[in-house]
C-alpha atoms as a PDB file:
ATOM      1  CA  MET A   1      55.649  10.269  21.159  1.00  0.00           C
ATOM      2  CA  VAL A   2      52.636  11.703  19.373  1.00  0.00           C
ATOM      3  CA  ARG A   3      50.276   9.190  17.977  1.00  0.00           C
ATOM      4  CA  LYS A   4      48.455  10.146  14.726  1.00  0.00           C
ATOM      5  CA  ALA A   5      44.783   9.152  14.064  1.00  0.00           C
ATOM      6  CA  TYR A   6      44.038   7.732  10.754  1.00  0.00           C
ATOM      7  CA  PHE A   7      40.590   7.525   9.316  1.00  0.00           C
ATOM      8  CA  SER A   8      39.441   5.390   6.453  1.00  0.00           C
ATOM      9  CA  ALA A   9      37.146   6.732   3.726  1.00  0.00           C
ATOM     10  CA  ALA A  10      34.434   4.454   5.020  1.00  0.00           C
ATOM     11  CA  THR A  11      34.904   5.800   8.610  1.00  0.00           C
ATOM     12  CA  PHE A  12      34.823   9.306   7.353  1.00  0.00           C
ATOM     13  CA  LEU A  13      31.577   8.700   5.451  1.00  0.00           C
ATOM     14  CA  SER A  14      29.894   6.997   8.437  1.00  0.00           C
ATOM     15  CA  VAL A  15      30.768  10.001  10.587  1.00  0.00           C
ATOM     16  CA  VAL A  16      29.196  12.312   7.928  1.00  0.00           C
ATOM     17  CA  THR A  17      26.151  10.139   7.630  1.00  0.00           C
ATOM     18  CA  LEU A  18      25.574   9.956  11.393  1.00  0.00           C
ATOM     19  CA  ALA A  19      25.880  13.725  11.552  1.00  0.00           C
ATOM     20  CA  GLY A  20      23.492  14.222   8.711  1.00  0.00           C
ATOM     21  CA  PHE A  21      20.858  12.066  10.427  1.00  0.00           C
ATOM     22  CA  SER A  22      21.468  13.655  13.725  1.00  0.00           C
ATOM     23  CA  ASN A  23      20.604  17.061  12.080  1.00  0.00           C
ATOM     24  CA  ALA A  24      17.643  15.658  10.467  1.00  0.00           C
ATOM     25  CA  ALA A  25      16.398  14.229  13.738  1.00  0.00           C
ATOM     26  CA  GLU A  26      16.421  17.747  15.070  1.00  0.00           C
ATOM     27  CA  GLU A  27      15.116  19.648  12.054  1.00  0.00           C
ATOM     28  CA  GLY A  28      12.803  16.917  10.764  1.00  0.00           C
ATOM     29  CA  TYR A  29      12.744  14.494   7.810  1.00  0.00           C
ATOM     30  CA  LEU A  30      11.854  15.704   4.302  1.00  0.00           C
ATOM     31  CA  LEU A  31       9.957  12.712   2.699  1.00  0.00           C
ATOM     32  CA  ARG A  32       9.937  12.889  -0.939  1.00  0.00           C
ATOM     33  CA  TYR A  33       9.922  10.491  -4.006  1.00  0.00           C
ATOM     34  CA  GLN A  34      13.336  10.570  -5.856  1.00  0.00           C
ATOM     35  CA  LEU A  35      12.934   8.151  -8.588  1.00  0.00           C
ATOM     36  CA  GLN A  36      15.251   8.286 -11.633  1.00  0.00           C
ATOM     37  CA  PRO A  37      14.396   7.698 -15.491  1.00  0.00           C
ATOM     38  CA  GLY A  38      15.081   4.145 -16.372  1.00  0.00           C
ATOM     39  CA  GLN A  39      14.605   2.888 -12.830  1.00  0.00           C
ATOM     40  CA  GLN A  40      12.226  -0.070 -12.380  1.00  0.00           C
ATOM     41  CA  LEU A  41      10.721  -1.061  -9.069  1.00  0.00           C
ATOM     42  CA  THR A  42       9.201  -4.587  -8.848  1.00  0.00           C
ATOM     43  CA  TYR A  43       6.820  -5.537  -5.927  1.00  0.00           C
ATOM     44  CA  ARG A  44       5.349  -8.813  -4.787  1.00  0.00           C
ATOM     45  CA  ILE A  45       1.927  -8.411  -3.319  1.00  0.00           C
ATOM     46  CA  VAL A  46      -0.090 -10.893  -1.332  1.00  0.00           C
ATOM     47  CA  HIS A  47      -3.791  -9.996  -0.680  1.00  0.00           C
ATOM     48  CA  SER A  48      -6.194 -12.355   1.167  1.00  0.00           C
ATOM     49  CA  ALA A  49      -9.723 -11.620   2.315  1.00  0.00           C
ATOM     50  CA  LYS A  50     -12.463 -13.573   4.211  1.00  0.00           C
ATOM     51  CA  THR A  51     -16.061 -12.631   4.442  1.00  0.00           C
ATOM     52  CA  LYS A  52     -18.618 -14.458   6.624  1.00  0.00           C
ATOM     53  CA  VAL A  53     -22.282 -13.491   6.458  1.00  0.00           C
ATOM     54  CA  LYS A  54     -25.040 -14.720   8.675  1.00  0.00           C
ATOM     55  CA  ILE A  55     -28.688 -13.985   8.121  1.00  0.00           C
ATOM     56  CA  ASN A  56     -31.179 -15.547  10.478  1.00  0.00           C
ATOM     57  CA  ASP A  57     -30.030 -19.308  10.401  1.00  0.00           C
ATOM     58  CA  THR A  58     -28.116 -19.097   7.219  1.00  0.00           C
ATOM     59  CA  GLU A  59     -24.347 -18.598   7.322  1.00  0.00           C
ATOM     60  CA  GLU A  60     -22.034 -18.322   4.337  1.00  0.00           C
ATOM     61  CA  ALA A  61     -18.400 -17.765   4.022  1.00  0.00           C
ATOM     62  CA  SER A  62     -16.249 -16.632   0.990  1.00  0.00           C
ATOM     63  CA  GLN A  63     -12.614 -16.048   0.614  1.00  0.00           C
ATOM     64  CA  VAL A  64     -10.149 -14.876  -2.006  1.00  0.00           C
ATOM     65  CA  HIS A  65      -6.421 -15.064  -2.167  1.00  0.00           C
ATOM     66  CA  THR A  66      -4.083 -13.329  -4.687  1.00  0.00           C
ATOM     67  CA  THR A  67      -0.391 -13.303  -5.140  1.00  0.00           C
ATOM     68  CA  SER A  68       0.714 -10.824  -7.811  1.00  0.00           C
ATOM     69  CA  VAL A  69       3.858  -9.199  -9.147  1.00  0.00           C
ATOM     70  CA  ARG A  70       3.892  -5.740 -10.506  1.00  0.00           C
ATOM     71  CA  SER A  71       6.427  -3.368 -11.920  1.00  0.00           C
ATOM     72  CA  LEU A  72       6.641   0.441 -11.990  1.00  0.00           C
ATOM     73  CA  ALA A  73       8.925   1.511 -14.782  1.00  0.00           C
ATOM     74  CA  VAL A  74      10.050   5.164 -14.507  1.00  0.00           C
ATOM     75  CA  ASN A  75       9.705   6.796 -17.996  1.00  0.00           C
ATOM     76  CA  GLU A  76      10.445  10.455 -17.154  1.00  0.00           C
ATOM     77  CA  VAL A  77      11.171  12.715 -14.198  1.00  0.00           C
ATOM     78  CA  ASP A  78      11.145  16.489 -14.935  1.00  0.00           C
ATOM     79  CA  GLU A  79      12.844  19.370 -13.100  1.00  0.00           C
ATOM     80  CA  GLU A  80      10.153  19.716 -10.475  1.00  0.00           C
ATOM     81  CA  GLY A  81      10.218  16.007  -9.627  1.00  0.00           C
ATOM     82  CA  VAL A  82       7.109  15.108 -11.449  1.00  0.00           C
ATOM     83  CA  THR A  83       7.522  11.437 -12.232  1.00  0.00           C
ATOM     84  CA  THR A  84       5.794   9.458 -15.135  1.00  0.00           C
ATOM     85  CA  PHE A  85       5.888   5.693 -14.949  1.00  0.00           C
ATOM     86  CA  ALA A  86       4.215   2.666 -16.543  1.00  0.00           C
ATOM     87  CA  HIS A  87       2.466   0.164 -14.277  1.00  0.00           C
ATOM     88  CA  THR A  88       2.620  -3.401 -15.470  1.00  0.00           C
ATOM     89  CA  ILE A  89       1.179  -6.565 -13.846  1.00  0.00           C
ATOM     90  CA  ASP A  90       3.791  -9.223 -14.534  1.00  0.00           C
ATOM     91  CA  SER A  91       2.084 -12.285 -13.012  1.00  0.00           C
ATOM     92  CA  VAL A  92      -0.786 -13.445 -10.738  1.00  0.00           C
ATOM     93  CA  VAL A  93      -2.062 -16.447  -8.934  1.00  0.00           C
ATOM     94  CA  MET A  94      -5.609 -16.293  -7.787  1.00  0.00           C
ATOM     95  CA  THR A  95      -7.959 -18.346  -5.723  1.00  0.00           C
ATOM     96  CA  GLN A  96     -11.456 -17.881  -4.863  1.00  0.00           C
ATOM     97  CA  GLN A  97     -14.030 -19.914  -2.920  1.00  0.00           C
ATOM     98  CA  ALA A  98     -17.708 -19.172  -1.926  1.00  0.00           C
ATOM     99  CA  GLY A  99     -19.754 -21.294   0.452  1.00  0.00           C
ATOM    100  CA  ASP A 100     -19.572 -24.950  -0.253  1.00  0.00           C
ATOM    101  CA  GLN A 101     -18.539 -24.518  -3.739  1.00  0.00           C
ATOM    102  CA  PRO A 102     -14.979 -25.990  -4.663  1.00  0.00           C
ATOM    103  CA  GLU A 103     -12.032 -23.560  -4.791  1.00  0.00           C
ATOM    104  CA  VAL A 104     -11.345 -22.027  -8.170  1.00  0.00           C
ATOM    105  CA  ARG A 105      -7.629 -21.357  -8.796  1.00  0.00           C
ATOM    106  CA  TRP A 106      -5.534 -19.808 -11.822  1.00  0.00           C
ATOM    107  CA  ASP A 107      -1.959 -19.226 -12.328  1.00  0.00           C
ATOM    108  CA  SER A 108      -0.983 -16.803 -15.141  1.00  0.00           C
ATOM    109  CA  SER A 109       2.350 -18.572 -15.614  1.00  0.00           C
ATOM    110  CA  SER A 110       0.437 -21.776 -16.824  1.00  0.00           C
ATOM    111  CA  ASP A 111      -1.022 -22.292 -20.180  1.00  0.00           C
ATOM    112  CA  ALA A 112      -4.458 -23.194 -18.669  1.00  0.00           C
ATOM    113  CA  GLU A 113      -7.388 -21.231 -19.858  1.00  0.00           C
ATOM    114  CA  PRO A 114      -8.446 -18.883 -17.024  1.00  0.00           C
ATOM    115  CA  PRO A 115     -11.915 -19.429 -15.496  1.00  0.00           C
ATOM    116  CA  ALA A 116     -14.642 -17.086 -16.495  1.00  0.00           C
ATOM    117  CA  GLN A 117     -14.390 -14.958 -13.227  1.00  0.00           C
ATOM    118  CA  PHE A 118     -10.546 -14.520 -13.990  1.00  0.00           C
ATOM    119  CA  ARG A 119     -10.586 -13.594 -17.657  1.00  0.00           C
ATOM    120  CA  GLY A 120     -10.727  -9.879 -16.941  1.00  0.00           C
ATOM    121  CA  VAL A 121      -7.593 -10.024 -14.935  1.00  0.00           C
ATOM    122  CA  ALA A 122      -5.923 -12.394 -17.432  1.00  0.00           C
ATOM    123  CA  SER A 123      -6.339  -9.816 -20.204  1.00  0.00           C
ATOM    124  CA  LYS A 124      -4.173  -7.449 -18.198  1.00  0.00           C
ATOM    125  CA  ILE A 125      -1.176  -9.698 -17.499  1.00  0.00           C
ATOM    126  CA  GLY A 126       1.957  -8.376 -19.189  1.00  0.00           C
ATOM    127  CA  GLN A 127       0.534  -5.275 -20.411  1.00  0.00           C
ATOM    128  CA  VAL A 128       0.750  -1.643 -19.295  1.00  0.00           C
ATOM    129  CA  ILE A 129      -2.449  -1.071 -17.449  1.00  0.00           C
ATOM    130  CA  ASP A 130      -1.668   2.480 -16.260  1.00  0.00           C
ATOM    131  CA  THR A 131       0.411   5.337 -17.149  1.00  0.00           C
ATOM    132  CA  ILE A 132       0.744   7.530 -14.000  1.00  0.00           C
ATOM    133  CA  GLU A 133       2.240  10.920 -13.054  1.00  0.00           C
ATOM    134  CA  ILE A 134       2.871  11.797  -9.387  1.00  0.00           C
ATOM    135  CA  ASN A 135       4.722  14.666  -7.864  1.00  0.00           C
ATOM    136  CA  ALA A 136       7.553  14.443  -5.435  1.00  0.00           C
ATOM    137  CA  ARG A 137       4.840  14.096  -2.532  1.00  0.00           C
ATOM    138  CA  GLY A 138       3.266  11.177  -4.099  1.00  0.00           C
ATOM    139  CA  GLN A 139       0.163  12.972  -5.190  1.00  0.00           C
ATOM    140  CA  VAL A 140      -1.211  11.466  -8.399  1.00  0.00           C
ATOM    141  CA  LEU A 141      -1.565  14.261 -10.990  1.00  0.00           C
ATOM    142  CA  GLN A 142      -2.722  12.188 -13.939  1.00  0.00           C
ATOM    143  CA  ARG A 143      -3.586   8.567 -14.390  1.00  0.00           C
ATOM    144  CA  THR A 144      -4.664   6.812 -17.555  1.00  0.00           C
ATOM    145  CA  GLY A 145      -5.470   3.270 -18.228  1.00  0.00           C
ATOM    146  CA  LYS A 146      -7.260   0.283 -16.700  1.00  0.00           C
ATOM    147  CA  ASP A 147      -8.114  -0.086 -13.174  1.00  0.00           C
ATOM    148  CA  ALA A 148      -6.158  -2.795 -11.218  1.00  0.00           C
ATOM    149  CA  SER A 149      -8.073  -2.476  -7.926  1.00  0.00           C
ATOM    150  CA  SER A 150      -9.696  -5.930  -8.525  1.00  0.00           C
ATOM    151  CA  LEU A 151      -6.382  -7.548  -7.763  1.00  0.00           C
ATOM    152  CA  GLY A 152      -6.261  -5.909  -4.300  1.00  0.00           C
ATOM    153  CA  MET A 153      -3.007  -4.034  -5.004  1.00  0.00           C
ATOM    154  CA  GLY A 154      -3.997  -0.892  -3.183  1.00  0.00           C
ATOM    155  CA  GLU A 155      -2.769   2.588  -3.939  1.00  0.00           C
ATOM    156  CA  ILE A 156       0.162   3.279  -6.283  1.00  0.00           C
ATOM    157  CA  ALA A 157       1.866   5.950  -4.189  1.00  0.00           C
ATOM    158  CA  LEU A 158       2.268   6.985  -0.739  1.00  0.00           C
ATOM    159  CA  PRO A 159       1.043  10.532  -0.064  1.00  0.00           C
ATOM    160  CA  LEU A 160       3.853  12.412   1.747  1.00  0.00           C
ATOM    161  CA  PRO A 161       3.748  15.361   4.199  1.00  0.00           C
ATOM    162  CA  GLU A 162       4.078  18.909   2.829  1.00  0.00           C
ATOM    163  CA  ASN A 163       6.969  19.941   5.151  1.00  0.00           C
ATOM    164  CA  ARG A 164       9.669  18.318   7.070  1.00  0.00           C
ATOM    165  CA  ILE A 165       8.361  16.065   9.862  1.00  0.00           C
ATOM    166  CA  GLN A 166       9.795  14.836  13.093  1.00  0.00           C
ATOM    167  CA  ILE A 167       9.375  11.400  14.660  1.00  0.00           C
ATOM    168  CA  GLY A 168       5.908  11.199  16.322  1.00  0.00           C
ATOM    169  CA  GLU A 169       4.303  13.912  14.109  1.00  0.00           C
ATOM    170  CA  ASN A 170       1.441  12.987  11.692  1.00  0.00           C
ATOM    171  CA  TRP A 171      -0.303  14.216   8.555  1.00  0.00           C
ATOM    172  CA  SER A 172      -3.583  13.258   7.004  1.00  0.00           C
ATOM    173  CA  VAL A 173      -5.120  12.866   3.557  1.00  0.00           C
ATOM    174  CA  PRO A 174      -9.015  13.489   2.975  1.00  0.00           C
ATOM    175  CA  ARG A 175     -10.881  10.954   1.097  1.00  0.00           C
ATOM    176  CA  GLU A 176     -14.592  10.406   0.164  1.00  0.00           C
ATOM    177  CA  ILE A 177     -16.554   7.206  -0.130  1.00  0.00           C
ATOM    178  CA  ARG A 178     -20.026   6.746  -1.753  1.00  0.00           C
ATOM    179  CA  VAL A 179     -22.407   4.308  -0.173  1.00  0.00           C
ATOM    180  CA  LYS A 180     -26.154   3.538  -0.054  1.00  0.00           C
ATOM    181  CA  ASP A 181     -28.269   3.877   3.033  1.00  0.00           C
ATOM    182  CA  GLU A 182     -31.332   1.677   3.973  1.00  0.00           C
ATOM    183  CA  ALA A 183     -33.547   3.629   1.516  1.00  0.00           C
ATOM    184  CA  GLY A 184     -31.103   3.134  -1.288  1.00  0.00           C
ATOM    185  CA  THR A 185     -30.053   6.800  -1.390  1.00  0.00           C
ATOM    186  CA  LEU A 186     -26.449   7.457  -2.195  1.00  0.00           C
ATOM    187  CA  LYS A 187     -24.510   9.070   0.545  1.00  0.00           C
ATOM    188  CA  VAL A 188     -21.052  10.692   0.706  1.00  0.00           C
ATOM    189  CA  ILE A 189     -18.932   9.612   3.706  1.00  0.00           C
ATOM    190  CA  LYS A 190     -15.876  11.652   4.507  1.00  0.00           C
ATOM    191  CA  ILE A 191     -12.844   9.779   5.932  1.00  0.00           C
ATOM    192  CA  ARG A 192      -9.140  10.632   6.436  1.00  0.00           C
ATOM    193  CA  GLU A 193      -6.031   8.561   6.254  1.00  0.00           C
ATOM    194  CA  LEU A 194      -3.941   9.455   9.153  1.00  0.00           C
ATOM    195  CA  TYR A 195      -0.197   8.816   8.786  1.00  0.00           C
ATOM    196  CA  THR A 196       2.382   9.000  11.604  1.00  0.00           C
ATOM    197  CA  LEU A 197       6.159   8.903  11.452  1.00  0.00           C
ATOM    198  CA  GLU A 198       7.093   6.271  14.009  1.00  0.00           C
ATOM    199  CA  LYS A 199      10.732   5.992  13.602  1.00  0.00           C
ATOM    200  CA  VAL A 200      13.709   6.415  11.041  1.00  0.00           C
ATOM    201  CA  GLN A 201      16.565   3.944  11.128  1.00  0.00           C
ATOM    202  CA  ALA A 202      19.373   3.514   8.533  1.00  0.00           C
ATOM    203  CA  GLU A 203      17.477   5.839   6.059  1.00  0.00           C
ATOM    204  CA  VAL A 204      14.304   3.754   6.415  1.00  0.00           C
ATOM    205  CA  ALA A 205      11.163   5.670   7.724  1.00  0.00           C
ATOM    206  CA  THR A 206       8.610   3.508   9.357  1.00  0.00           C
ATOM    207  CA  ILE A 207       5.093   5.046   8.951  1.00  0.00           C
ATOM    208  CA  SER A 208       1.862   3.877  10.626  1.00  0.00           C
ATOM    209  CA  VAL A 209      -1.441   4.711   8.860  1.00  0.00           C
ATOM    210  CA  ARG A 210      -5.085   4.255   9.903  1.00  0.00           C
ATOM    211  CA  SER A 211      -8.508   5.175   8.311  1.00  0.00           C
ATOM    212  CA  GLU A 212     -10.736   7.466  10.391  1.00  0.00           C
ATOM    213  CA  PRO A 213     -14.286   8.095   9.412  1.00  0.00           C
ATOM    214  CA  LEU A 214     -15.290  11.772   9.879  1.00  0.00           C
ATOM    215  CA  THR A 215     -18.889  11.449   8.936  1.00  0.00           C
ATOM    216  CA  PRO A 216     -21.003  10.115  11.794  1.00  0.00           C
ATOM    217  CA  ILE A 217     -22.608   6.696  10.630  1.00  0.00           C
ATOM    218  CA  SER A 218     -25.536   5.191  12.433  1.00  0.00           C
ATOM    219  CA  ASP A 219     -26.871   3.054   9.377  1.00  0.00           C
ATOM    220  CA  GLN A 220     -25.539  -0.476   9.635  1.00  0.00           C
ATOM    221  CA  LYS A 221     -26.081  -1.153   5.932  1.00  0.00           C
ATOM    222  CA  MET A 222     -23.740   1.888   5.251  1.00  0.00           C
ATOM    223  CA  GLN A 223     -21.362   0.654   7.769  1.00  0.00           C
ATOM    224  CA  SER A 224     -21.263  -2.919   6.037  1.00  0.00           C
ATOM    225  CA  GLN A 225     -20.097  -1.063   2.771  1.00  0.00           C
ATOM    226  CA  LEU A 226     -17.198   0.704   4.601  1.00  0.00           C
ATOM    227  CA  VAL A 227     -15.394  -2.311   5.894  1.00  0.00           C
ATOM    228  CA  GLN A 228     -13.339  -2.913   2.864  1.00  0.00           C
ATOM    229  CA  GLN A 229     -12.355   0.862   2.933  1.00  0.00           C
ATOM    230  CA  LEU A 230     -11.082   1.363   6.401  1.00  0.00           C
ATOM    231  CA  SER A 231      -7.633  -0.071   7.140  1.00  0.00           C
ATOM    232  CA  LYS A 232      -4.661   0.303   9.423  1.00  0.00           C
ATOM    233  CA  GLY A 233      -1.099  -0.740   8.992  1.00  0.00           C
ATOM    234  CA  THR A 234       2.595   0.214   8.564  1.00  0.00           C
ATOM    235  CA  ILE A 235       4.752   1.337   5.521  1.00  0.00           C
ATOM    236  CA  GLN A 236       8.416   1.553   5.214  1.00  0.00           C
ATOM    237  CA  PHE A 237       9.776   4.356   2.944  1.00  0.00           C
ATOM    238  CA  HIS A 238      13.485   4.669   1.996  1.00  0.00           C
ATOM    239  CA  VAL A 239      14.328   8.366   2.693  1.00  0.00           C
ATOM    240  CA  GLY A 240      17.550   8.519   0.711  1.00  0.00           C
ATOM    241  CA  GLY A 241      16.182   6.568  -2.239  1.00  0.00           C
ATOM    242  CA  GLY A 242      12.726   8.124  -2.308  1.00  0.00           C
ATOM    243  CA  TYR A 243      10.632   5.018  -2.764  1.00  0.00           C
ATOM    244  CA  VAL A 244       8.248   2.671  -0.757  1.00  0.00           C
ATOM    245  CA  MET A 245       9.835  -0.562   0.338  1.00  0.00           C
ATOM    246  CA  LYS A 246       7.405  -2.452   2.063  1.00  0.00           C
ATOM    247  CA  ARG A 247       3.708  -2.209   3.187  1.00  0.00           C
ATOM    248  CA  ARG A 248       1.231  -4.012   5.376  1.00  0.00           C
ATOM    249  CA  LEU A 249      -2.416  -3.136   5.775  1.00  0.00           C
ATOM    250  CA  ASP A 250      -5.138  -4.992   7.706  1.00  0.00           C
ATOM    251  CA  TRP A 251      -8.916  -4.744   7.686  1.00  0.00           C
ATOM    252  CA  GLN A 252     -11.042  -6.196  10.336  1.00  0.00           C
ATOM    253  CA  ASP A 253     -14.600  -5.471  11.204  1.00  0.00           C
ATOM    254  CA  ASN A 254     -17.874  -6.983  12.414  1.00  0.00           C
ATOM    255  CA  VAL A 255     -21.173  -5.388  11.542  1.00  0.00           C
ATOM    256  CA  VAL A 256     -24.406  -6.473  13.228  1.00  0.00           C
ATOM    257  CA  GLY A 257     -27.813  -5.725  11.863  1.00  0.00           C
ATOM    258  CA  PHE A 258     -26.717  -4.691   8.227  1.00  0.00           C
ATOM    259  CA  GLN A 259     -29.714  -6.568   6.840  1.00  0.00           C
ATOM    260  CA  GLY A 260     -32.204  -6.851   9.691  1.00  0.00           C
ATOM    261  CA  PRO A 261     -31.605  -7.602  13.458  1.00  0.00           C
ATOM    262  CA  ALA A 262     -30.607 -11.242  12.875  1.00  0.00           C
ATOM    263  CA  SER A 263     -27.897 -10.457  10.484  1.00  0.00           C
ATOM    264  CA  ASN A 264     -24.152 -10.252  10.894  1.00  0.00           C
ATOM    265  CA  MET A 265     -21.165  -9.684   8.667  1.00  0.00           C
ATOM    266  CA  GLU A 266     -17.471 -10.319   9.661  1.00  0.00           C
ATOM    267  CA  TYR A 267     -14.591  -9.085   7.284  1.00  0.00           C
ATOM    268  CA  ASN A 268     -10.911  -9.843   7.720  1.00  0.00           C
ATOM    269  CA  ALA A 269      -8.299  -9.111   5.067  1.00  0.00           C
ATOM    270  CA  ARG A 270      -4.651  -8.319   4.786  1.00  0.00           C
ATOM    271  CA  LEU A 271      -2.454  -6.857   2.009  1.00  0.00           C
ATOM    272  CA  THR A 272       1.477  -7.098   2.080  1.00  0.00           C
ATOM    273  CA  GLU A 273       3.559  -5.597  -0.416  1.00  0.00           C
ATOM    274  CA  GLU A 274       7.352  -5.843  -0.705  1.00  0.00           C
ATOM    275  CA  LEU A 275      10.040  -4.535  -3.122  1.00  0.00           C
ATOM    276  CA  THR A 276      11.848  -7.500  -4.458  1.00  0.00           C
ATOM    277  CA  ASN A 277      14.681  -6.098  -6.639  1.00  0.00           C
ATOM    278  CA  GLU A 278      18.230  -5.221  -5.749  1.00  0.00           C
ATOM    279  CA  ALA A 279      17.346  -1.669  -4.548  1.00  0.00           C
ATOM    280  CA  PHE A 280      15.374  -3.205  -1.728  1.00  0.00           C
ATOM    281  CA  GLN A 281      17.791  -5.873  -0.932  1.00  0.00           C
ATOM    282  CA  SER A 282      20.703  -3.484  -0.416  1.00  0.00           C
ATOM    283  CA  ALA A 283      18.629  -1.220   1.752  1.00  0.00           C
ATOM    284  CA  LYS A 284      17.324  -4.142   3.776  1.00  0.00           C
ATOM    285  CA  ARG A 285      20.877  -5.465   4.380  1.00  0.00           C
ATOM    286  CA  ALA A 286      21.901  -2.045   5.562  1.00  0.00           C
ATOM    287  CA  THR A 287      18.916  -1.782   7.910  1.00  0.00           C
ATOM    288  CA  GLU A 288      19.640  -5.094   9.460  1.00  0.00           C
ATOM    289  CA  SER A 289      23.425  -4.324   9.961  1.00  0.00           C
ATOM    290  CA  SER A 290      22.461  -1.133  11.812  1.00  0.00           C
ATOM    291  CA  VAL A 291      20.226  -3.038  14.239  1.00  0.00           C
ATOM    292  CA  ARG A 292      23.089  -5.519  15.209  1.00  0.00           C
END
């Protein structure tokens, strides 16, 4: 008696998918943005930072905490994959405290008048603050609008490698930062953001990133201005869908002598960003199922 083997459509697709990822593992992964017109990605971003400064016998600490929701609405995607989208801040909750002063807090969902230090942010809520063009590699081609960096939102797009990349390989993006030295002279510091593809599982690429100064720095005052610019962390990018799912960045530094030999500055900060709409939830469930 000959037994016949029957395969369901789901089984067949699973086999095809596994074969595709097996080939990708050998040939490398092509990481590209693949957004579609009308698509909207909504992210919840939490940014917290604490700075402690000590000069002689005087010490003061300050901290900020921001929880914000932003949306990226895709307006157009051309034949070459250049994507134009509108960046909107949907809501924000901000707190700020310096020294012995009481904490200042404002929630955009309330009707309360924002404190003076938050009025600039309040004027941006619910409005398109940027119209941005990126290519399929996440390189910003054009950007018009207001700056949202004060909200600690970080970069809009993840810069992706030029060619296919295998697990363990890396790529880098150059960047320049302008700081002042002890004499007040403006200096250009060259750094690079080094990205490494750590793993790919259920179409989700985990990428590590760290900032590396390329310009030698011996001036502590200059070093104190760099602490908010040098981070390390991880990013999750959906290979099949072509979008960032999750990001976590950390900043941590201690600079001694930035304002005389008896001065010290500690800086600790963290930013987390997570896609909250159904596109992420479906991908997250698929990832969790593959682990079990």
